[in-house]
Amino acid sequence: MTRIRRGYIARRRRTKIRLFASTFRGAHSRLTRTIIQQKIRALASSHRDRGRQKRNFRRLWITRINAVIRDIRVSYSYSRFINDLYKRQLLLNRKILAQIAISNTNCLYTISNEIIK
């Protein structure tokens, strides 16, 4: 019986998977089954951590704003500041407020004084 050459589709699929896992270490970059498992895990982790990253940055901005606001006034807190911003309809997001708090504290002090009046 003559030898039959197999198709190239499975090999092409495996090489595509190997390109994804080329930076992994050890068997995670060499063995096909392990590569597939690690690929599933990596994609799931990256999907999960994209949401987590947004959450962490928002927490960081809130902490920075709160620290500067409490530094400016003793009896003034972050929640009151944000509430007053909404009452005055000043739509500044937390990222911008945190950048202002770090780079130009006097500007945030001016904003908070204008809100209180």
PDB file of N, CA and C in Angstrom:
ATOM      1  N   MET A   1       0.840  -1.173   0.000  1.00  0.00           N
ATOM      2  CA  MET A   1       0.000   0.000   0.000  1.00  0.00           C
ATOM      3  C   MET A   1       0.894   1.248   0.000  1.00  0.00           C
ATOM      4  N   THR A   2       0.511   2.218  -0.783  1.00  0.00           N
ATOM      5  CA  THR A   2       1.336   3.423  -0.880  1.00  0.00           C
ATOM      6  C   THR A   2       1.075   4.348   0.305  1.00  0.00           C
ATOM      7  N   ARG A   3       2.103   5.158   0.588  1.00  0.00           N
ATOM      8  CA  ARG A   3       2.012   6.089   1.709  1.00  0.00           C
ATOM      9  C   ARG A   3       1.156   7.283   1.295  1.00  0.00           C
ATOM     10  N   ILE A   4       0.254   7.667   2.189  1.00  0.00           N
ATOM     11  CA  ILE A   4      -0.613   8.807   1.919  1.00  0.00           C
ATOM     12  C   ILE A   4      -0.092  10.003   2.701  1.00  0.00           C
ATOM     13  N   ARG A   5       0.104  11.097   2.001  1.00  0.00           N
ATOM     14  CA  ARG A   5       0.537  12.316   2.680  1.00  0.00           C
ATOM     15  C   ARG A   5      -0.683  13.006   3.263  1.00  0.00           C
ATOM     16  N   ARG A   6      -0.583  13.326   4.530  1.00  0.00           N
ATOM     17  CA  ARG A   6      -1.700  14.002   5.203  1.00  0.00           C
ATOM     18  C   ARG A   6      -1.798  15.441   4.751  1.00  0.00           C
ATOM     19  N   GLY A   7      -2.952  16.042   5.036  1.00  0.00           N
ATOM     20  CA  GLY A   7      -3.160  17.441   4.692  1.00  0.00           C
ATOM     21  C   GLY A   7      -2.380  18.380   5.596  1.00  0.00           C
ATOM     22  N   TYR A   8      -2.366  19.641   5.245  1.00  0.00           N
ATOM     23  CA  TYR A   8      -1.578  20.631   5.969  1.00  0.00           C
ATOM     24  C   TYR A   8      -2.429  21.480   6.907  1.00  0.00           C
ATOM     25  N   ILE A   9      -3.731  21.253   6.942  1.00  0.00           N
ATOM     26  CA  ILE A   9      -4.628  22.129   7.696  1.00  0.00           C
ATOM     27  C   ILE A   9      -4.370  22.030   9.196  1.00  0.00           C
ATOM     28  N   ALA A  10      -4.230  20.810   9.718  1.00  0.00           N
ATOM     29  CA  ALA A  10      -3.988  20.632  11.152  1.00  0.00           C
ATOM     30  C   ALA A  10      -2.642  21.227  11.538  1.00  0.00           C
ATOM     31  N   ARG A  11      -1.635  21.021  10.684  1.00  0.00           N
ATOM     32  CA  ARG A  11      -0.311  21.568  10.964  1.00  0.00           C
ATOM     33  C   ARG A  11      -0.344  23.100  10.954  1.00  0.00           C
ATOM     34  N   ARG A  12      -1.099  23.662  10.024  1.00  0.00           N
ATOM     35  CA  ARG A  12      -1.215  25.117   9.950  1.00  0.00           C
ATOM     36  C   ARG A  12      -1.904  25.673  11.196  1.00  0.00           C
ATOM     37  N   ARG A  13      -2.922  24.950  11.675  1.00  0.00           N
ATOM     38  CA  ARG A  13      -3.619  25.369  12.894  1.00  0.00           C
ATOM     39  C   ARG A  13      -2.683  25.327  14.105  1.00  0.00           C
ATOM     40  N   ARG A  14      -1.879  24.284  14.193  1.00  0.00           N
ATOM     41  CA  ARG A  14      -0.956  24.155  15.326  1.00  0.00           C
ATOM     42  C   ARG A  14       0.137  25.217  15.290  1.00  0.00           C
ATOM     43  N   THR A  15       0.640  25.541  14.111  1.00  0.00           N
ATOM     44  CA  THR A  15       1.680  26.567  14.027  1.00  0.00           C
ATOM     45  C   THR A  15       1.109  27.936  14.392  1.00  0.00           C
ATOM     46  N   LYS A  16      -0.157  28.168  14.050  1.00  0.00           N
ATOM     47  CA  LYS A  16      -0.801  29.426  14.423  1.00  0.00           C
ATOM     48  C   LYS A  16      -0.915  29.533  15.947  1.00  0.00           C
ATOM     49  N   ILE A  17      -1.259  28.408  16.588  1.00  0.00           N
ATOM     50  CA  ILE A  17      -1.355  28.380  18.043  1.00  0.00           C
ATOM     51  C   ILE A  17       0.034  28.586  18.660  1.00  0.00           C
ATOM     52  N   ARG A  18       1.057  27.963  18.044  1.00  0.00           N
ATOM     53  CA  ARG A  18       2.428  28.092  18.561  1.00  0.00           C
ATOM     54  C   ARG A  18       2.936  29.525  18.456  1.00  0.00           C
ATOM     55  N   LEU A  19       2.530  30.247  17.436  1.00  0.00           N
ATOM     56  CA  LEU A  19       2.931  31.648  17.308  1.00  0.00           C
ATOM     57  C   LEU A  19       2.354  32.481  18.456  1.00  0.00           C
ATOM     58  N   PHE A  20       1.140  32.147  18.884  1.00  0.00           N
ATOM     59  CA  PHE A  20       0.530  32.855  20.010  1.00  0.00           C
ATOM     60  C   PHE A  20       1.326  32.623  21.281  1.00  0.00           C
ATOM     61  N   ALA A  21       1.797  31.368  21.458  1.00  0.00           N
ATOM     62  CA  ALA A  21       2.447  30.979  22.708  1.00  0.00           C
ATOM     63  C   ALA A  21       3.964  31.003  22.614  1.00  0.00           C
ATOM     64  N   SER A  22       4.506  31.718  21.652  1.00  0.00           N
ATOM     65  CA  SER A  22       5.960  31.680  21.458  1.00  0.00           C
ATOM     66  C   SER A  22       6.721  32.311  22.617  1.00  0.00           C
ATOM     67  N   THR A  23       6.078  33.198  23.363  1.00  0.00           N
ATOM     68  CA  THR A  23       6.771  33.849  24.482  1.00  0.00           C
ATOM     69  C   THR A  23       6.580  33.111  25.803  1.00  0.00           C
ATOM     70  N   PHE A  24       5.772  32.056  25.808  1.00  0.00           N
ATOM     71  CA  PHE A  24       5.570  31.287  27.025  1.00  0.00           C
ATOM     72  C   PHE A  24       6.812  30.456  27.311  1.00  0.00           C
ATOM     73  N   ARG A  25       6.945  30.006  28.566  1.00  0.00           N
ATOM     74  CA  ARG A  25       8.154  29.282  28.964  1.00  0.00           C
ATOM     75  C   ARG A  25       7.888  27.791  29.071  1.00  0.00           C
ATOM     76  N   GLY A  26       8.896  26.997  28.737  1.00  0.00           N
ATOM     77  CA  GLY A  26       8.857  25.555  28.932  1.00  0.00           C
ATOM     78  C   GLY A  26       7.859  24.859  28.033  1.00  0.00           C
ATOM     79  N   ALA A  27       7.161  23.879  28.609  1.00  0.00           N
ATOM     80  CA  ALA A  27       6.216  23.078  27.845  1.00  0.00           C
ATOM     81  C   ALA A  27       5.037  23.912  27.356  1.00  0.00           C
ATOM     82  N   HIS A  28       4.799  25.055  28.004  1.00  0.00           N
ATOM     83  CA  HIS A  28       3.676  25.911  27.613  1.00  0.00           C
ATOM     84  C   HIS A  28       3.873  26.501  26.223  1.00  0.00           C
ATOM     85  N   SER A  29       5.095  26.450  25.707  1.00  0.00           N
ATOM     86  CA  SER A  29       5.336  26.953  24.359  1.00  0.00           C
ATOM     87  C   SER A  29       5.663  25.839  23.365  1.00  0.00           C
ATOM     88  N   ARG A  30       5.692  24.585  23.847  1.00  0.00           N
ATOM     89  CA  ARG A  30       6.115  23.485  22.970  1.00  0.00           C
ATOM     90  C   ARG A  30       5.036  22.440  22.713  1.00  0.00           C
ATOM     91  N   LEU A  31       4.282  22.086  23.738  1.00  0.00           N
ATOM     92  CA  LEU A  31       3.312  21.006  23.599  1.00  0.00           C
ATOM     93  C   LEU A  31       1.946  21.579  23.227  1.00  0.00           C
ATOM     94  N   THR A  32       1.359  21.001  22.186  1.00  0.00           N
ATOM     95  CA  THR A  32       0.141  21.568  21.614  1.00  0.00           C
ATOM     96  C   THR A  32      -1.004  21.624  22.611  1.00  0.00           C
ATOM     97  N   ARG A  33      -1.226  20.551  23.333  1.00  0.00           N
ATOM     98  CA  ARG A  33      -2.346  20.520  24.275  1.00  0.00           C
ATOM     99  C   ARG A  33      -2.159  21.541  25.397  1.00  0.00           C
ATOM    100  N   THR A  34      -0.929  21.628  25.890  1.00  0.00           N
ATOM    101  CA  THR A  34      -0.628  22.593  26.947  1.00  0.00           C
ATOM    102  C   THR A  34      -0.750  24.025  26.425  1.00  0.00           C
ATOM    103  N   ILE A  35      -0.316  24.245  25.170  1.00  0.00           N
ATOM    104  CA  ILE A  35      -0.437  25.567  24.570  1.00  0.00           C
ATOM    105  C   ILE A  35      -1.893  25.991  24.492  1.00  0.00           C
ATOM    106  N   ILE A  36      -2.768  25.078  24.090  1.00  0.00           N
ATOM    107  CA  ILE A  36      -4.187  25.401  23.968  1.00  0.00           C
ATOM    108  C   ILE A  36      -4.769  25.777  25.337  1.00  0.00           C
ATOM    109  N   GLN A  37      -4.397  24.997  26.376  1.00  0.00           N
ATOM    110  CA  GLN A  37      -4.878  25.307  27.721  1.00  0.00           C
ATOM    111  C   GLN A  37      -4.382  26.675  28.186  1.00  0.00           C
ATOM    112  N   GLN A  38      -3.096  26.963  27.932  1.00  0.00           N
ATOM    113  CA  GLN A  38      -2.532  28.233  28.353  1.00  0.00           C
ATOM    114  C   GLN A  38      -3.116  29.405  27.573  1.00  0.00           C
ATOM    115  N   LYS A  39      -3.455  29.161  26.299  1.00  0.00           N
ATOM    116  CA  LYS A  39      -4.067  30.211  25.490  1.00  0.00           C
ATOM    117  C   LYS A  39      -5.439  30.569  26.048  1.00  0.00           C
ATOM    118  N   ILE A  40      -6.226  29.554  26.394  1.00  0.00           N
ATOM    119  CA  ILE A  40      -7.550  29.796  26.982  1.00  0.00           C
ATOM    120  C   ILE A  40      -7.406  30.572  28.280  1.00  0.00           C
ATOM    121  N   ARG A  41      -6.441  30.166  29.091  1.00  0.00           N
ATOM    122  CA  ARG A  41      -6.233  30.833  30.383  1.00  0.00           C
ATOM    123  C   ARG A  41      -5.770  32.277  30.201  1.00  0.00           C
ATOM    124  N   ALA A  42      -4.856  32.496  29.243  1.00  0.00           N
ATOM    125  CA  ALA A  42      -4.327  33.842  29.003  1.00  0.00           C
ATOM    126  C   ALA A  42      -5.411  34.778  28.498  1.00  0.00           C
ATOM    127  N   LEU A  43      -6.234  34.299  27.590  1.00  0.00           N
ATOM    128  CA  LEU A  43      -7.293  35.139  27.039  1.00  0.00           C
ATOM    129  C   LEU A  43      -8.355  35.447  28.094  1.00  0.00           C
ATOM    130  N   ALA A  44      -8.655  34.455  28.936  1.00  0.00           N
ATOM    131  CA  ALA A  44      -9.627  34.688  30.011  1.00  0.00           C
ATOM    132  C   ALA A  44      -9.085  35.700  31.011  1.00  0.00           C
ATOM    133  N   SER A  45      -7.791  35.583  31.343  1.00  0.00           N
ATOM    134  CA  SER A  45      -7.178  36.524  32.295  1.00  0.00           C
ATOM    135  C   SER A  45      -7.145  37.930  31.731  1.00  0.00           C
ATOM    136  N   SER A  46      -6.808  38.066  30.459  1.00  0.00           N
ATOM    137  CA  SER A  46      -6.738  39.402  29.870  1.00  0.00           C
ATOM    138  C   SER A  46      -8.119  40.036  29.802  1.00  0.00           C
ATOM    139  N   HIS A  47      -9.145  39.235  29.522  1.00  0.00           N
ATOM    140  CA  HIS A  47     -10.517  39.752  29.489  1.00  0.00           C
ATOM    141  C   HIS A  47     -10.956  40.207  30.870  1.00  0.00           C
ATOM    142  N   ARG A  48     -10.644  39.411  31.876  1.00  0.00           N
ATOM    143  CA  ARG A  48     -11.014  39.746  33.249  1.00  0.00           C
ATOM    144  C   ARG A  48     -10.272  40.999  33.724  1.00  0.00           C
ATOM    145  N   ASP A  49      -8.978  41.069  33.409  1.00  0.00           N
ATOM    146  CA  ASP A  49      -8.156  42.146  33.936  1.00  0.00           C
ATOM    147  C   ASP A  49      -8.367  43.472  33.230  1.00  0.00           C
ATOM    148  N   ARG A  50      -8.976  43.464  32.050  1.00  0.00           N
ATOM    149  CA  ARG A  50      -9.315  44.740  31.415  1.00  0.00           C
ATOM    150  C   ARG A  50     -10.354  45.480  32.249  1.00  0.00           C
ATOM    151  N   GLY A  51     -11.352  44.757  32.750  1.00  0.00           N
ATOM    152  CA  GLY A  51     -12.332  45.363  33.648  1.00  0.00           C
ATOM    153  C   GLY A  51     -11.727  45.745  34.975  1.00  0.00           C
ATOM    154  N   ARG A  52     -10.843  44.900  35.475  1.00  0.00           N
ATOM    155  CA  ARG A  52     -10.199  45.160  36.767  1.00  0.00           C
ATOM    156  C   ARG A  52      -9.299  46.397  36.695  1.00  0.00           C
ATOM    157  N   GLN A  53      -8.644  46.595  35.547  1.00  0.00           N
ATOM    158  CA  GLN A  53      -7.766  47.744  35.379  1.00  0.00           C
ATOM    159  C   GLN A  53      -8.563  49.041  35.445  1.00  0.00           C
ATOM    160  N   LYS A  54      -9.725  49.069  34.796  1.00  0.00           N
ATOM    161  CA  LYS A  54     -10.587  50.253  34.849  1.00  0.00           C
ATOM    162  C   LYS A  54     -10.988  50.554  36.290  1.00  0.00           C
ATOM    163  N   ARG A  55     -11.343  49.497  37.017  1.00  0.00           N
ATOM    164  CA  ARG A  55     -11.745  49.637  38.418  1.00  0.00           C
ATOM    165  C   ARG A  55     -10.603  50.181  39.272  1.00  0.00           C
ATOM    166  N   ASN A  56      -9.402  49.645  39.058  1.00  0.00           N
ATOM    167  CA  ASN A  56      -8.239  50.073  39.850  1.00  0.00           C
ATOM    168  C   ASN A  56      -7.871  51.525  39.585  1.00  0.00           C
ATOM    169  N   PHE A  57      -7.943  51.934  38.314  1.00  0.00           N
ATOM    170  CA  PHE A  57      -7.629  53.327  38.006  1.00  0.00           C
ATOM    171  C   PHE A  57      -8.648  54.263  38.615  1.00  0.00           C
ATOM    172  N   ARG A  58      -9.921  53.886  38.581  1.00  0.00           N
ATOM    173  CA  ARG A  58     -10.952  54.731  39.186  1.00  0.00           C
ATOM    174  C   ARG A  58     -10.710  54.869  40.690  1.00  0.00           C
ATOM    175  N   ARG A  59     -10.344  53.775  41.346  1.00  0.00           N
ATOM    176  CA  ARG A  59     -10.021  53.828  42.782  1.00  0.00           C
ATOM    177  C   ARG A  59      -8.841  54.752  43.053  1.00  0.00           C
ATOM    178  N   LEU A  60      -7.825  54.677  42.195  1.00  0.00           N
ATOM    179  CA  LEU A  60      -6.641  55.520  42.350  1.00  0.00           C
ATOM    180  C   LEU A  60      -7.005  56.994  42.217  1.00  0.00           C
ATOM    181  N   TRP A  61      -7.822  57.334  41.199  1.00  0.00           N
ATOM    182  CA  TRP A  61      -8.223  58.727  41.004  1.00  0.00           C
ATOM    183  C   TRP A  61      -9.013  59.242  42.192  1.00  0.00           C
ATOM    184  N   ILE A  62      -9.933  58.416  42.682  1.00  0.00           N
ATOM    185  CA  ILE A  62     -10.752  58.822  43.829  1.00  0.00           C
ATOM    186  C   ILE A  62      -9.872  59.063  45.051  1.00  0.00           C
ATOM    187  N   THR A  63      -8.893  58.191  45.270  1.00  0.00           N
ATOM    188  CA  THR A  63      -7.989  58.342  46.410  1.00  0.00           C
ATOM    189  C   THR A  63      -7.187  59.637  46.316  1.00  0.00           C
ATOM    190  N   ARG A  64      -6.692  59.935  45.114  1.00  0.00           N
ATOM    191  CA  ARG A  64      -5.901  61.157  44.922  1.00  0.00           C
ATOM    192  C   ARG A  64      -6.736  62.402  45.166  1.00  0.00           C
ATOM    193  N   ILE A  65      -7.947  62.417  44.606  1.00  0.00           N
ATOM    194  CA  ILE A  65      -8.830  63.580  44.786  1.00  0.00           C
ATOM    195  C   ILE A  65      -9.160  63.747  46.258  1.00  0.00           C
ATOM    196  N   ASN A  66      -9.503  62.664  46.919  1.00  0.00           N
ATOM    197  CA  ASN A  66      -9.869  62.705  48.333  1.00  0.00           C
ATOM    198  C   ASN A  66      -8.715  63.234  49.189  1.00  0.00           C
ATOM    199  N   ALA A  67      -7.490  62.790  48.886  1.00  0.00           N
ATOM    200  CA  ALA A  67      -6.328  63.233  49.664  1.00  0.00           C
ATOM    201  C   ALA A  67      -6.120  64.735  49.539  1.00  0.00           C
ATOM    202  N   VAL A  68      -6.234  65.253  48.323  1.00  0.00           N
ATOM    203  CA  VAL A  68      -6.016  66.686  48.116  1.00  0.00           C
ATOM    204  C   VAL A  68      -7.147  67.505  48.716  1.00  0.00           C
ATOM    205  N   ILE A  69      -8.387  67.027  48.563  1.00  0.00           N
ATOM    206  CA  ILE A  69      -9.540  67.752  49.113  1.00  0.00           C
ATOM    207  C   ILE A  69      -9.456  67.826  50.631  1.00  0.00           C
ATOM    208  N   ARG A  70      -9.081  66.732  51.273  1.00  0.00           N
ATOM    209  CA  ARG A  70      -8.966  66.734  52.731  1.00  0.00           C
ATOM    210  C   ARG A  70      -7.786  67.592  53.186  1.00  0.00           C
ATOM    211  N   ASP A  71      -6.764  67.682  52.329  1.00  0.00           N
ATOM    212  CA  ASP A  71      -5.616  68.525  52.645  1.00  0.00           C
ATOM    213  C   ASP A  71      -5.998  70.008  52.612  1.00  0.00           C
ATOM    214  N   ILE A  72      -6.842  70.354  51.639  1.00  0.00           N
ATOM    215  CA  ILE A  72      -7.274  71.745  51.494  1.00  0.00           C
ATOM    216  C   ILE A  72      -8.164  72.157  52.658  1.00  0.00           C
ATOM    217  N   ARG A  73      -9.192  71.350  52.935  1.00  0.00           N
ATOM    218  CA  ARG A  73     -10.135  71.656  54.006  1.00  0.00           C
ATOM    219  C   ARG A  73     -10.223  70.461  54.950  1.00  0.00           C
ATOM    220  N   VAL A  74     -10.315  70.731  56.224  1.00  0.00           N
ATOM    221  CA  VAL A  74     -10.350  69.644  57.207  1.00  0.00           C
ATOM    222  C   VAL A  74     -11.694  68.923  57.180  1.00  0.00           C
ATOM    223  N   SER A  75     -12.789  69.670  57.068  1.00  0.00           N
ATOM    224  CA  SER A  75     -14.110  69.055  57.199  1.00  0.00           C
ATOM    225  C   SER A  75     -14.797  68.834  55.850  1.00  0.00           C
ATOM    226  N   TYR A  76     -14.013  68.706  54.783  1.00  0.00           N
ATOM    227  CA  TYR A  76     -14.596  68.529  53.451  1.00  0.00           C
ATOM    228  C   TYR A  76     -14.119  67.201  52.906  1.00  0.00           C
ATOM    229  N   SER A  77     -15.023  66.390  52.377  1.00  0.00           N
ATOM    230  CA  SER A  77     -14.649  65.057  51.925  1.00  0.00           C
ATOM    231  C   SER A  77     -14.894  64.916  50.421  1.00  0.00           C
ATOM    232  N   TYR A  78     -14.427  63.804  49.892  1.00  0.00           N
ATOM    233  CA  TYR A  78     -14.568  63.512  48.465  1.00  0.00           C
ATOM    234  C   TYR A  78     -16.032  63.431  48.066  1.00  0.00           C
ATOM    235  N   SER A  79     -16.830  62.736  48.871  1.00  0.00           N
ATOM    236  CA  SER A  79     -18.231  62.530  48.495  1.00  0.00           C
ATOM    237  C   SER A  79     -18.997  63.851  48.442  1.00  0.00           C
ATOM    238  N   ARG A  80     -18.716  64.753  49.397  1.00  0.00           N
ATOM    239  CA  ARG A  80     -19.346  66.072  49.366  1.00  0.00           C
ATOM    240  C   ARG A  80     -18.907  66.866  48.143  1.00  0.00           C
ATOM    241  N   PHE A  81     -17.615  66.762  47.828  1.00  0.00           N
ATOM    242  CA  PHE A  81     -17.069  67.478  46.683  1.00  0.00           C
ATOM    243  C   PHE A  81     -17.743  67.045  45.384  1.00  0.00           C
ATOM    244  N   ILE A  82     -17.855  65.742  45.175  1.00  0.00           N
ATOM    245  CA  ILE A  82     -18.488  65.207  43.961  1.00  0.00           C
ATOM    246  C   ILE A  82     -19.973  65.569  43.934  1.00  0.00           C
ATOM    247  N   ASN A  83     -20.623  65.512  45.090  1.00  0.00           N
ATOM    248  CA  ASN A  83     -22.036  65.879  45.171  1.00  0.00           C
ATOM    249  C   ASN A  83     -22.239  67.342  44.786  1.00  0.00           C
ATOM    250  N   ASP A  84     -21.360  68.208  45.289  1.00  0.00           N
ATOM    251  CA  ASP A  84     -21.458  69.626  44.950  1.00  0.00           C
ATOM    252  C   ASP A  84     -21.158  69.877  43.468  1.00  0.00           C
ATOM    253  N   LEU A  85     -20.241  69.096  42.918  1.00  0.00           N
ATOM    254  CA  LEU A  85     -19.967  69.213  41.481  1.00  0.00           C
ATOM    255  C   LEU A  85     -21.207  68.903  40.656  1.00  0.00           C
ATOM    256  N   TYR A  86     -21.919  67.843  41.048  1.00  0.00           N
ATOM    257  CA  TYR A  86     -23.125  67.457  40.323  1.00  0.00           C
ATOM    258  C   TYR A  86     -24.235  68.482  40.502  1.00  0.00           C
ATOM    259  N   LYS A  87     -24.332  69.055  41.697  1.00  0.00           N
ATOM    260  CA  LYS A  87     -25.344  70.085  41.934  1.00  0.00           C
ATOM    261  C   LYS A  87     -25.100  71.305  41.053  1.00  0.00           C
ATOM    262  N   ARG A  88     -23.812  71.667  40.908  1.00  0.00           N
ATOM    263  CA  ARG A  88     -23.453  72.817  40.079  1.00  0.00           C
ATOM    264  C   ARG A  88     -23.402  72.479  38.594  1.00  0.00           C
ATOM    265  N   GLN A  89     -23.585  71.202  38.258  1.00  0.00           N
ATOM    266  CA  GLN A  89     -23.538  70.689  36.883  1.00  0.00           C
ATOM    267  C   GLN A  89     -22.195  70.958  36.209  1.00  0.00           C
ATOM    268  N   LEU A  90     -21.128  70.828  36.992  1.00  0.00           N
ATOM    269  CA  LEU A  90     -19.772  70.896  36.449  1.00  0.00           C
ATOM    270  C   LEU A  90     -19.347  69.470  36.115  1.00  0.00           C
ATOM    271  N   LEU A  91     -19.330  69.149  34.855  1.00  0.00           N
ATOM    272  CA  LEU A  91     -19.069  67.781  34.445  1.00  0.00           C
ATOM    273  C   LEU A  91     -17.572  67.581  34.188  1.00  0.00           C
ATOM    274  N   LEU A  92     -16.847  67.314  35.251  1.00  0.00           N
ATOM    275  CA  LEU A  92     -15.432  66.954  35.165  1.00  0.00           C
ATOM    276  C   LEU A  92     -15.302  65.520  35.653  1.00  0.00           C
ATOM    277  N   ASN A  93     -14.688  64.681  34.837  1.00  0.00           N
ATOM    278  CA  ASN A  93     -14.560  63.294  35.284  1.00  0.00           C
ATOM    279  C   ASN A  93     -13.417  63.144  36.280  1.00  0.00           C
ATOM    280  N   ARG A  94     -13.363  61.992  36.923  1.00  0.00           N
ATOM    281  CA  ARG A  94     -12.426  61.777  38.016  1.00  0.00           C
ATOM    282  C   ARG A  94     -10.979  61.757  37.539  1.00  0.00           C
ATOM    283  N   LYS A  95     -10.759  61.309  36.308  1.00  0.00           N
ATOM    284  CA  LYS A  95      -9.402  61.278  35.768  1.00  0.00           C
ATOM    285  C   LYS A  95      -8.844  62.702  35.654  1.00  0.00           C
ATOM    286  N   ILE A  96      -9.630  63.601  35.100  1.00  0.00           N
ATOM    287  CA  ILE A  96      -9.200  64.990  34.936  1.00  0.00           C
ATOM    288  C   ILE A  96      -9.008  65.645  36.302  1.00  0.00           C
ATOM    289  N   LEU A  97      -9.952  65.401  37.213  1.00  0.00           N
ATOM    290  CA  LEU A  97      -9.831  65.975  38.557  1.00  0.00           C
ATOM    291  C   LEU A  97      -8.569  65.488  39.266  1.00  0.00           C
ATOM    292  N   ALA A  98      -8.231  64.201  39.080  1.00  0.00           N
ATOM    293  CA  ALA A  98      -7.022  63.653  39.707  1.00  0.00           C
ATOM    294  C   ALA A  98      -5.766  64.289  39.108  1.00  0.00           C
ATOM    295  N   GLN A  99      -5.764  64.522  37.792  1.00  0.00           N
ATOM    296  CA  GLN A  99      -4.618  65.174  37.162  1.00  0.00           C
ATOM    297  C   GLN A  99      -4.468  66.607  37.658  1.00  0.00           C
ATOM    298  N   ILE A 100      -5.605  67.310  37.808  1.00  0.00           N
ATOM    299  CA  ILE A 100      -5.566  68.667  38.352  1.00  0.00           C
ATOM    300  C   ILE A 100      -5.053  68.642  39.791  1.00  0.00           C
ATOM    301  N   ALA A 101      -5.513  67.649  40.558  1.00  0.00           N
ATOM    302  CA  ALA A 101      -5.107  67.539  41.963  1.00  0.00           C
ATOM    303  C   ALA A 101      -3.597  67.342  42.100  1.00  0.00           C
ATOM    304  N   ILE A 102      -3.007  66.569  41.200  1.00  0.00           N
ATOM    305  CA  ILE A 102      -1.576  66.303  41.279  1.00  0.00           C
ATOM    306  C   ILE A 102      -0.769  67.494  40.759  1.00  0.00           C
ATOM    307  N   SER A 103      -1.126  67.968  39.569  1.00  0.00           N
ATOM    308  CA  SER A 103      -0.292  68.980  38.922  1.00  0.00           C
ATOM    309  C   SER A 103      -0.527  70.387  39.451  1.00  0.00           C
ATOM    310  N   ASN A 104      -1.801  70.730  39.744  1.00  0.00           N
ATOM    311  CA  ASN A 104      -2.113  72.109  40.118  1.00  0.00           C
ATOM    312  C   ASN A 104      -3.130  72.109  41.256  1.00  0.00           C
ATOM    313  N   THR A 105      -2.639  72.019  42.466  1.00  0.00           N
ATOM    314  CA  THR A 105      -3.518  71.944  43.639  1.00  0.00           C
ATOM    315  C   THR A 105      -4.306  73.234  43.824  1.00  0.00           C
ATOM    316  N   ASN A 106      -3.705  74.363  43.463  1.00  0.00           N
ATOM    317  CA  ASN A 106      -4.399  75.650  43.605  1.00  0.00           C
ATOM    318  C   ASN A 106      -5.651  75.713  42.738  1.00  0.00           C
ATOM    319  N   CYS A 107      -5.586  75.108  41.572  1.00  0.00           N
ATOM    320  CA  CYS A 107      -6.742  75.075  40.669  1.00  0.00           C
ATOM    321  C   CYS A 107      -7.890  74.289  41.301  1.00  0.00           C
ATOM    322  N   LEU A 108      -7.577  73.152  41.905  1.00  0.00           N
ATOM    323  CA  LEU A 108      -8.613  72.367  42.581  1.00  0.00           C
ATOM    324  C   LEU A 108      -9.153  73.122  43.789  1.00  0.00           C
ATOM    325  N   TYR A 109      -8.290  73.838  44.460  1.00  0.00           N
ATOM    326  CA  TYR A 109      -8.714  74.674  45.588  1.00  0.00           C
ATOM    327  C   TYR A 109      -9.698  75.742  45.115  1.00  0.00           C
ATOM    328  N   THR A 110      -9.410  76.355  43.969  1.00  0.00           N
ATOM    329  CA  THR A 110     -10.303  77.363  43.393  1.00  0.00           C
ATOM    330  C   THR A 110     -11.636  76.764  43.002  1.00  0.00           C
ATOM    331  N   ILE A 111     -11.607  75.576  42.395  1.00  0.00           N
ATOM    332  CA  ILE A 111     -12.853  74.900  42.004  1.00  0.00           C
ATOM    333  C   ILE A 111     -13.703  74.603  43.224  1.00  0.00           C
ATOM    334  N   SER A 112     -13.074  74.079  44.280  1.00  0.00           N
ATOM    335  CA  SER A 112     -13.835  73.738  45.476  1.00  0.00           C
ATOM    336  C   SER A 112     -14.404  74.991  46.153  1.00  0.00           C
ATOM    337  N   ASN A 113     -13.669  76.107  46.132  1.00  0.00           N
ATOM    338  CA  ASN A 113     -14.195  77.354  46.698  1.00  0.00           C
ATOM    339  C   ASN A 113     -15.377  77.881  45.915  1.00  0.00           C
ATOM    340  N   GLU A 114     -15.316  77.755  44.584  1.00  0.00           N
ATOM    341  CA  GLU A 114     -16.416  78.217  43.738  1.00  0.00           C
ATOM    342  C   GLU A 114     -17.678  77.370  43.967  1.00  0.00           C
ATOM    343  N   ILE A 115     -17.467  76.101  44.185  1.00  0.00           N
ATOM    344  CA  ILE A 115     -18.603  75.199  44.408  1.00  0.00           C
ATOM    345  C   ILE A 115     -19.283  75.516  45.742  1.00  0.00           C
ATOM    346  N   ILE A 116     -18.494  75.780  46.760  1.00  0.00           N
ATOM    347  CA  ILE A 116     -19.039  76.000  48.107  1.00  0.00           C
ATOM    348  C   ILE A 116     -19.868  77.275  48.163  1.00  0.00           C
ATOM    349  N   LYS A 117     -19.462  78.296  47.418  1.00  0.00           N
ATOM    350  CA  LYS A 117     -20.165  79.588  47.469  1.00  0.00           C
ATOM    351  C   LYS A 117     -21.610  79.486  46.997  1.00  0.00           C
TER     352      LYS A 117
END
